[in-house]
């Protein structure tokens, strides 16, 4: 399962020229190509958007199929790293805990 797989377009996902070229063949945008790729890989996607237009676009994936060549081209984009934060990074964990201690009103109430 992929929760928020578009990662708000981090790392140039929405402007990636490879995804754009594939999308032009089908009349789809980069986000739709990325979601279709995940769907065809058998991954359940749970998108996250507050924009009605994007929500609708995210659902219009049944009108096309990526070719095996398209799939292989997209697979080669994989860097082996997540598009967003790596939550197993100890430095990130320390930062988030400290941020929570300093900014979470519930944490401050517990200390009183």
Protein backbone atom coordinates (compact mmCIF):
# COMPACT_ATOMS: atom_id res chain seq x y z
CA UNK A 1 0.00 0.00 0.00
CA UNK A 2 1.24 3.47 -0.84
CA UNK A 3 -0.05 6.26 1.37
CA UNK A 4 0.28 9.69 -0.28
CA UNK A 5 2.49 8.21 -3.00
CA UNK A 6 2.90 11.48 -4.89
CA UNK A 7 4.70 13.02 -1.91
CA UNK A 8 3.34 16.45 -2.82
CA UNK A 9 5.51 16.40 -5.92
CA UNK A 10 8.77 16.29 -3.98
CA UNK A 11 11.98 15.70 -5.89
CA UNK A 12 10.49 16.96 -9.14
CA UNK A 13 7.85 14.26 -9.54
CA UNK A 14 5.36 16.66 -11.13
CA UNK A 15 7.97 18.07 -13.53
CA UNK A 16 9.86 14.86 -14.35
CA UNK A 17 10.51 14.87 -18.10
CA UNK A 18 10.36 11.07 -18.42
CA UNK A 19 6.91 10.90 -16.83
CA UNK A 20 5.85 13.91 -18.90
CA UNK A 21 6.88 12.22 -22.16
CA UNK A 22 4.98 9.05 -21.25
CA UNK A 23 1.98 11.12 -20.18
CA UNK A 24 1.87 12.95 -23.49
CA UNK A 25 1.26 9.62 -25.26
CA UNK A 26 -1.90 9.08 -23.20
CA UNK A 27 -3.03 12.66 -22.56
CA UNK A 28 -2.27 12.28 -18.84
CA UNK A 29 -0.22 14.28 -16.36
CA UNK A 30 2.78 13.11 -14.36
CA UNK A 31 0.71 12.32 -11.29
CA UNK A 32 -1.66 10.10 -13.27
CA UNK A 33 1.27 8.26 -14.86
CA UNK A 34 2.90 7.69 -11.46
CA UNK A 35 -0.39 6.43 -9.97
CA UNK A 36 -1.08 4.17 -12.95
CA UNK A 37 2.42 2.74 -12.64
CA UNK A 38 1.81 1.86 -8.99
CA UNK A 39 -1.62 0.41 -9.81
CA UNK A 40 -0.16 -1.80 -12.56
CA UNK A 41 2.54 -2.93 -10.13
CA UNK A 42 -0.28 -4.19 -7.89
CA UNK A 43 0.19 -1.50 -5.26
CA UNK A 44 -2.89 -0.04 -3.61
CA UNK A 45 -2.65 3.73 -3.65
CA UNK A 46 -4.22 6.08 -1.12
CA UNK A 47 -3.84 9.57 -2.51
CA UNK A 48 -3.97 12.72 -0.47
CA UNK A 49 -5.27 15.96 -1.94
CA UNK A 50 -7.48 18.84 -0.93
CA UNK A 51 -8.10 20.00 -4.50
CA UNK A 52 -11.26 18.63 -6.18
CA UNK A 53 -9.65 18.70 -9.63
CA UNK A 54 -6.69 16.62 -8.47
CA UNK A 55 -8.96 14.19 -6.66
CA UNK A 56 -10.94 13.68 -9.87
CA UNK A 57 -7.78 13.29 -11.97
CA UNK A 58 -6.43 10.71 -9.52
CA UNK A 59 -9.51 8.58 -10.18
CA UNK A 60 -9.31 8.68 -14.00
CA UNK A 61 -6.83 5.84 -14.43
CA UNK A 62 -9.02 3.20 -16.09
CA UNK A 63 -8.94 4.77 -19.55
CA UNK A 64 -5.38 3.71 -20.35
CA UNK A 65 -2.73 1.07 -19.70
CA UNK A 66 1.01 1.66 -19.61
CA UNK A 67 2.98 -0.59 -21.93
CA UNK A 68 5.67 -2.87 -20.56
CA UNK A 69 8.21 -0.53 -22.17
CA UNK A 70 6.68 2.42 -20.27
CA UNK A 71 6.78 0.41 -17.05
CA UNK A 72 10.45 -0.44 -17.55
CA UNK A 73 11.35 3.18 -18.27
CA UNK A 74 9.61 4.26 -15.05
CA UNK A 75 11.27 1.45 -13.07
CA UNK A 76 14.65 2.85 -14.09
CA UNK A 77 13.76 6.12 -12.32
CA UNK A 78 13.89 4.33 -8.96
CA UNK A 79 16.76 5.68 -6.86
CA UNK A 80 16.12 3.26 -4.01
CA UNK A 81 15.32 6.18 -1.72
CA UNK A 82 11.93 7.50 -0.62
CA UNK A 83 10.66 10.70 -2.21
CA UNK A 84 9.98 12.18 1.20
CA UNK A 85 11.41 11.84 4.69
CA UNK A 86 13.13 8.66 5.84
CA UNK A 87 11.45 8.00 9.16
CA UNK A 88 14.02 5.40 10.21
CA UNK A 89 16.73 8.09 10.25
CA UNK A 90 17.81 8.57 13.91
CA UNK A 91 18.59 12.26 13.34
CA UNK A 92 15.11 12.88 11.97
CA UNK A 93 13.58 11.02 14.94
CA UNK A 94 15.55 13.21 17.39
CA UNK A 95 14.48 16.34 15.55
CA UNK A 96 10.79 15.33 15.53
CA UNK A 97 10.81 14.43 19.23
CA UNK A 98 12.45 17.72 20.14
CA UNK A 99 10.05 19.62 17.90
CA UNK A 100 7.11 17.89 19.58
CA UNK A 101 8.45 18.69 23.04
CA UNK A 102 8.79 22.35 22.15
CA UNK A 103 5.60 22.87 20.14
CA UNK A 104 2.93 20.38 21.16
CA UNK A 105 0.55 21.95 23.71
CA UNK A 106 -0.46 18.49 24.99
CA UNK A 107 3.17 17.71 25.84
CA UNK A 108 3.52 21.01 27.68
CA UNK A 109 0.37 20.25 29.74
CA UNK A 110 1.83 16.87 30.78
CA UNK A 111 4.88 18.59 32.25
CA UNK A 112 2.77 20.86 34.46
